[in-house]
Amino acid sequence: MAKNYESEITQFLKKYKTEHPDTETRQREGRGRLWDKYVDPELQEGYRAGRVAQKPYVYQTN
């Protein structure tokens, strides 16, 4: 296999990134909106304390 081989996907991504230089910035902003959130430890502790144990068989009515 040649050492300088690039797949069509890699070529497409490189071309896309040169044509759209703000791609990485927009990706980071999107990630920040979805994943980088502040988690309040006190609130999380309250959620854990209020958790109800699940029964072994969930669909049993009694």
PDB file of N, CA and C in Angstrom:
ATOM      1  N   MET A   1       0.847  -1.183   0.000  1.00  0.00           N
ATOM      2  CA  MET A   1       0.000   0.000   0.000  1.00  0.00           C
ATOM      3  C   MET A   1       0.890   1.244   0.000  1.00  0.00           C
ATOM      4  N   ALA A   2       0.499   2.219  -0.761  1.00  0.00           N
ATOM      5  CA  ALA A   2       1.280   3.447  -0.861  1.00  0.00           C
ATOM      6  C   ALA A   2       1.185   4.243   0.437  1.00  0.00           C
ATOM      7  N   LYS A   3       2.270   4.900   0.803  1.00  0.00           N
ATOM      8  CA  LYS A   3       2.292   5.655   2.054  1.00  0.00           C
ATOM      9  C   LYS A   3       1.487   6.941   1.969  1.00  0.00           C
ATOM     10  N   ASN A   4       1.309   7.477   0.769  1.00  0.00           N
ATOM     11  CA  ASN A   4       0.620   8.751   0.644  1.00  0.00           C
ATOM     12  C   ASN A   4      -0.828   8.579   0.162  1.00  0.00           C
ATOM     13  N   TYR A   5      -1.414   7.434   0.387  1.00  0.00           N
ATOM     14  CA  TYR A   5      -2.796   7.182  -0.002  1.00  0.00           C
ATOM     15  C   TYR A   5      -3.749   7.927   0.937  1.00  0.00           C
ATOM     16  N   GLU A   6      -4.776   8.540   0.349  1.00  0.00           N
ATOM     17  CA  GLU A   6      -5.836   9.187   1.116  1.00  0.00           C
ATOM     18  C   GLU A   6      -7.174   8.716   0.562  1.00  0.00           C
ATOM     19  N   SER A   7      -8.051   8.331   1.444  1.00  0.00           N
ATOM     20  CA  SER A   7      -9.368   7.878   1.004  1.00  0.00           C
ATOM     21  C   SER A   7     -10.167   9.055   0.458  1.00  0.00           C
ATOM     22  N   GLU A   8     -11.254   8.716  -0.222  1.00  0.00           N
ATOM     23  CA  GLU A   8     -12.121   9.762  -0.772  1.00  0.00           C
ATOM     24  C   GLU A   8     -12.739  10.600   0.342  1.00  0.00           C
ATOM     25  N   ILE A   9     -13.043   9.968   1.454  1.00  0.00           N
ATOM     26  CA  ILE A   9     -13.622  10.692   2.589  1.00  0.00           C
ATOM     27  C   ILE A   9     -12.627  11.722   3.117  1.00  0.00           C
ATOM     28  N   THR A  10     -11.358  11.296   3.292  1.00  0.00           N
ATOM     29  CA  THR A  10     -10.327  12.209   3.797  1.00  0.00           C
ATOM     30  C   THR A  10     -10.132  13.370   2.832  1.00  0.00           C
ATOM     31  N   GLN A  11     -10.111  13.080   1.557  1.00  0.00           N
ATOM     32  CA  GLN A  11      -9.967  14.138   0.564  1.00  0.00           C
ATOM     33  C   GLN A  11     -11.137  15.109   0.633  1.00  0.00           C
ATOM     34  N   PHE A  12     -12.345  14.558   0.752  1.00  0.00           N
ATOM     35  CA  PHE A  12     -13.531  15.408   0.841  1.00  0.00           C
ATOM     36  C   PHE A  12     -13.465  16.311   2.071  1.00  0.00           C
ATOM     37  N   LEU A  13     -13.096  15.718   3.236  1.00  0.00           N
ATOM     38  CA  LEU A  13     -13.034  16.513   4.465  1.00  0.00           C
ATOM     39  C   LEU A  13     -11.988  17.615   4.381  1.00  0.00           C
ATOM     40  N   LYS A  14     -10.832  17.306   3.828  1.00  0.00           N
ATOM     41  CA  LYS A  14      -9.799  18.333   3.678  1.00  0.00           C
ATOM     42  C   LYS A  14     -10.277  19.461   2.769  1.00  0.00           C
ATOM     43  N   LYS A  15     -10.917  19.082   1.657  1.00  0.00           N
ATOM     44  CA  LYS A  15     -11.420  20.093   0.724  1.00  0.00           C
ATOM     45  C   LYS A  15     -12.508  20.935   1.388  1.00  0.00           C
ATOM     46  N   TYR A  16     -13.416  20.270   2.115  1.00  0.00           N
ATOM     47  CA  TYR A  16     -14.503  20.981   2.791  1.00  0.00           C
ATOM     48  C   TYR A  16     -13.955  21.971   3.813  1.00  0.00           C
ATOM     49  N   LYS A  17     -12.950  21.532   4.583  1.00  0.00           N
ATOM     50  CA  LYS A  17     -12.386  22.414   5.617  1.00  0.00           C
ATOM     51  C   LYS A  17     -11.647  23.604   5.016  1.00  0.00           C
ATOM     52  N   THR A  18     -11.032  23.428   3.848  1.00  0.00           N
ATOM     53  CA  THR A  18     -10.374  24.578   3.212  1.00  0.00           C
ATOM     54  C   THR A  18     -11.407  25.544   2.648  1.00  0.00           C
ATOM     55  N   GLU A  19     -12.543  25.006   2.150  1.00  0.00           N
ATOM     56  CA  GLU A  19     -13.596  25.867   1.609  1.00  0.00           C
ATOM     57  C   GLU A  19     -14.428  26.525   2.718  1.00  0.00           C
ATOM     58  N   HIS A  20     -14.507  25.874   3.875  1.00  0.00           N
ATOM     59  CA  HIS A  20     -15.286  26.384   5.008  1.00  0.00           C
ATOM     60  C   HIS A  20     -14.384  26.425   6.250  1.00  0.00           C
ATOM     61  N   PRO A  21     -13.558  27.447   6.382  1.00  0.00           N
ATOM     62  CA  PRO A  21     -12.595  27.492   7.489  1.00  0.00           C
ATOM     63  C   PRO A  21     -13.219  27.635   8.874  1.00  0.00           C
ATOM     64  N   ASP A  22     -14.474  28.032   8.962  1.00  0.00           N
ATOM     65  CA  ASP A  22     -15.109  28.201  10.265  1.00  0.00           C
ATOM     66  C   ASP A  22     -15.768  26.925  10.782  1.00  0.00           C
ATOM     67  N   THR A  23     -15.550  25.809  10.114  1.00  0.00           N
ATOM     68  CA  THR A  23     -16.198  24.551  10.483  1.00  0.00           C
ATOM     69  C   THR A  23     -15.854  24.127  11.906  1.00  0.00           C
ATOM     70  N   GLU A  24     -14.592  24.131  12.264  1.00  0.00           N
ATOM     71  CA  GLU A  24     -14.197  23.683  13.602  1.00  0.00           C
ATOM     72  C   GLU A  24     -14.769  24.596  14.682  1.00  0.00           C
ATOM     73  N   THR A  25     -14.808  25.880  14.424  1.00  0.00           N
ATOM     74  CA  THR A  25     -15.371  26.824  15.386  1.00  0.00           C
ATOM     75  C   THR A  25     -16.847  26.534  15.614  1.00  0.00           C
ATOM     76  N   ARG A  26     -17.588  26.302  14.530  1.00  0.00           N
ATOM     77  CA  ARG A  26     -19.011  25.992  14.655  1.00  0.00           C
ATOM     78  C   ARG A  26     -19.228  24.659  15.364  1.00  0.00           C
ATOM     79  N   GLN A  27     -18.355  23.682  15.109  1.00  0.00           N
ATOM     80  CA  GLN A  27     -18.461  22.401  15.792  1.00  0.00           C
ATOM     81  C   GLN A  27     -18.256  22.566  17.297  1.00  0.00           C
ATOM     82  N   ARG A  28     -17.267  23.356  17.680  1.00  0.00           N
ATOM     83  CA  ARG A  28     -16.995  23.584  19.105  1.00  0.00           C
ATOM     84  C   ARG A  28     -18.148  24.323  19.777  1.00  0.00           C
ATOM     85  N   GLU A  29     -18.739  25.290  19.074  1.00  0.00           N
ATOM     86  CA  GLU A  29     -19.890  26.001  19.630  1.00  0.00           C
ATOM     87  C   GLU A  29     -21.065  25.053  19.825  1.00  0.00           C
ATOM     88  N   GLY A  30     -21.303  24.195  18.856  1.00  0.00           N
ATOM     89  CA  GLY A  30     -22.387  23.226  18.959  1.00  0.00           C
ATOM     90  C   GLY A  30     -22.169  22.257  20.098  1.00  0.00           C
ATOM     91  N   ARG A  31     -20.946  21.810  20.263  1.00  0.00           N
ATOM     92  CA  ARG A  31     -20.628  20.909  21.362  1.00  0.00           C
ATOM     93  C   ARG A  31     -20.852  21.620  22.692  1.00  0.00           C
ATOM     94  N   GLY A  32     -20.460  22.873  22.765  1.00  0.00           N
ATOM     95  CA  GLY A  32     -20.649  23.636  23.992  1.00  0.00           C
ATOM     96  C   GLY A  32     -22.111  23.778  24.363  1.00  0.00           C
ATOM     97  N   ARG A  33     -22.972  23.955  23.341  1.00  0.00           N
ATOM     98  CA  ARG A  33     -24.403  24.085  23.615  1.00  0.00           C
ATOM     99  C   ARG A  33     -25.000  22.783  24.117  1.00  0.00           C
ATOM    100  N   LEU A  34     -24.506  21.661  23.615  1.00  0.00           N
ATOM    101  CA  LEU A  34     -25.118  20.385  23.954  1.00  0.00           C
ATOM    102  C   LEU A  34     -24.487  19.692  25.150  1.00  0.00           C
ATOM    103  N   TRP A  35     -23.163  19.781  25.303  1.00  0.00           N
ATOM    104  CA  TRP A  35     -22.488  18.918  26.263  1.00  0.00           C
ATOM    105  C   TRP A  35     -21.790  19.634  27.398  1.00  0.00           C
ATOM    106  N   ASP A  36     -21.259  20.782  27.172  1.00  0.00           N
ATOM    107  CA  ASP A  36     -20.484  21.470  28.205  1.00  0.00           C
ATOM    108  C   ASP A  36     -21.411  22.273  29.109  1.00  0.00           C
ATOM    109  N   LYS A  37     -22.041  21.591  30.039  1.00  0.00           N
ATOM    110  CA  LYS A  37     -23.000  22.226  30.937  1.00  0.00           C
ATOM    111  C   LYS A  37     -22.481  22.185  32.362  1.00  0.00           C
ATOM    112  N   TYR A  38     -22.862  23.186  33.146  1.00  0.00           N
ATOM    113  CA  TYR A  38     -22.513  23.205  34.557  1.00  0.00           C
ATOM    114  C   TYR A  38     -23.457  22.270  35.297  1.00  0.00           C
ATOM    115  N   VAL A  39     -22.906  21.411  36.117  1.00  0.00           N
ATOM    116  CA  VAL A  39     -23.702  20.483  36.910  1.00  0.00           C
ATOM    117  C   VAL A  39     -23.602  20.905  38.368  1.00  0.00           C
ATOM    118  N   ASP A  40     -24.755  21.215  38.956  1.00  0.00           N
ATOM    119  CA  ASP A  40     -24.811  21.636  40.356  1.00  0.00           C
ATOM    120  C   ASP A  40     -24.719  20.396  41.248  1.00  0.00           C
ATOM    121  N   PRO A  41     -23.646  20.249  42.036  1.00  0.00           N
ATOM    122  CA  PRO A  41     -23.483  19.054  42.865  1.00  0.00           C
ATOM    123  C   PRO A  41     -24.586  18.873  43.902  1.00  0.00           C
ATOM    124  N   GLU A  42     -25.091  19.953  44.474  1.00  0.00           N
ATOM    125  CA  GLU A  42     -26.158  19.852  45.465  1.00  0.00           C
ATOM    126  C   GLU A  42     -27.442  19.334  44.827  1.00  0.00           C
ATOM    127  N   LEU A  43     -27.740  19.816  43.644  1.00  0.00           N
ATOM    128  CA  LEU A  43     -28.922  19.368  42.934  1.00  0.00           C
ATOM    129  C   LEU A  43     -28.806  17.885  42.569  1.00  0.00           C
ATOM    130  N   GLN A  44     -27.633  17.475  42.135  1.00  0.00           N
ATOM    131  CA  GLN A  44     -27.403  16.069  41.798  1.00  0.00           C
ATOM    132  C   GLN A  44     -27.565  15.185  43.028  1.00  0.00           C
ATOM    133  N   GLU A  45     -27.103  15.640  44.165  1.00  0.00           N
ATOM    134  CA  GLU A  45     -27.237  14.871  45.399  1.00  0.00           C
ATOM    135  C   GLU A  45     -28.711  14.708  45.764  1.00  0.00           C
ATOM    136  N   GLY A  46     -29.491  15.745  45.558  1.00  0.00           N
ATOM    137  CA  GLY A  46     -30.927  15.664  45.804  1.00  0.00           C
ATOM    138  C   GLY A  46     -31.605  14.648  44.897  1.00  0.00           C
ATOM    139  N   TYR A  47     -31.180  14.602  43.632  1.00  0.00           N
ATOM    140  CA  TYR A  47     -31.727  13.611  42.695  1.00  0.00           C
ATOM    141  C   TYR A  47     -31.388  12.193  43.149  1.00  0.00           C
ATOM    142  N   ARG A  48     -30.157  11.997  43.587  1.00  0.00           N
ATOM    143  CA  ARG A  48     -29.748  10.668  44.044  1.00  0.00           C
ATOM    144  C   ARG A  48     -30.516  10.253  45.302  1.00  0.00           C
ATOM    145  N   ALA A  49     -30.736  11.185  46.214  1.00  0.00           N
ATOM    146  CA  ALA A  49     -31.449  10.876  47.452  1.00  0.00           C
ATOM    147  C   ALA A  49     -32.914  10.559  47.186  1.00  0.00           C
ATOM    148  N   GLY A  50     -33.500  11.162  46.185  1.00  0.00           N
ATOM    149  CA  GLY A  50     -34.906  10.954  45.884  1.00  0.00           C
ATOM    150  C   GLY A  50     -35.173   9.767  44.979  1.00  0.00           C
ATOM    151  N   ARG A  51     -34.154   9.048  44.619  1.00  0.00           N
ATOM    152  CA  ARG A  51     -34.302   7.916  43.719  1.00  0.00           C
ATOM    153  C   ARG A  51     -35.026   6.762  44.419  1.00  0.00           C
ATOM    154  N   VAL A  52     -35.940   6.122  43.712  1.00  0.00           N
ATOM    155  CA  VAL A  52     -36.691   4.984  44.228  1.00  0.00           C
ATOM    156  C   VAL A  52     -36.112   3.716  43.616  1.00  0.00           C
ATOM    157  N   ALA A  53     -35.877   2.716  44.454  1.00  0.00           N
ATOM    158  CA  ALA A  53     -35.298   1.464  43.964  1.00  0.00           C
ATOM    159  C   ALA A  53     -36.276   0.758  43.035  1.00  0.00           C
ATOM    160  N   GLN A  54     -35.760   0.211  41.958  1.00  0.00           N
ATOM    161  CA  GLN A  54     -36.589  -0.506  41.002  1.00  0.00           C
ATOM    162  C   GLN A  54     -36.795  -1.940  41.456  1.00  0.00           C
ATOM    163  N   LYS A  55     -38.020  -2.447  41.279  1.00  0.00           N
ATOM    164  CA  LYS A  55     -38.334  -3.818  41.654  1.00  0.00           C
ATOM    165  C   LYS A  55     -37.656  -4.780  40.681  1.00  0.00           C
ATOM    166  N   PRO A  56     -37.398  -6.028  41.105  1.00  0.00           N
ATOM    167  CA  PRO A  56     -36.736  -6.989  40.233  1.00  0.00           C
ATOM    168  C   PRO A  56     -37.509  -7.254  38.941  1.00  0.00           C
ATOM    169  N   TYR A  57     -38.828  -7.334  39.034  1.00  0.00           N
ATOM    170  CA  TYR A  57     -39.638  -7.546  37.842  1.00  0.00           C
ATOM    171  C   TYR A  57     -40.518  -6.319  37.668  1.00  0.00           C
ATOM    172  N   VAL A  58     -40.205  -5.510  36.696  1.00  0.00           N
ATOM    173  CA  VAL A  58     -40.824  -4.194  36.527  1.00  0.00           C
ATOM    174  C   VAL A  58     -42.307  -4.282  36.217  1.00  0.00           C
ATOM    175  N   TYR A  59     -42.737  -5.314  35.494  1.00  0.00           N
ATOM    176  CA  TYR A  59     -44.124  -5.377  35.025  1.00  0.00           C
ATOM    177  C   TYR A  59     -45.058  -6.046  36.009  1.00  0.00           C
ATOM    178  N   GLN A  60     -44.584  -6.440  37.180  1.00  0.00           N
ATOM    179  CA  GLN A  60     -45.443  -7.044  38.182  1.00  0.00           C
ATOM    180  C   GLN A  60     -46.285  -5.951  38.832  1.00  0.00           C
ATOM    181  N   THR A  61     -47.587  -6.202  39.019  1.00  0.00           N
ATOM    182  CA  THR A  61     -48.494  -5.144  39.478  1.00  0.00           C
ATOM    183  C   THR A  61     -48.542  -4.965  40.983  1.00  0.00           C
ATOM    184  N   ASN A  62     -48.101  -5.910  41.799  1.00  0.00           N
ATOM    185  CA  ASN A  62     -48.211  -5.737  43.248  1.00  0.00           C
ATOM    186  C   ASN A  62     -46.932  -5.328  43.865  1.00  0.00           C
TER     187      ASN A  62
END
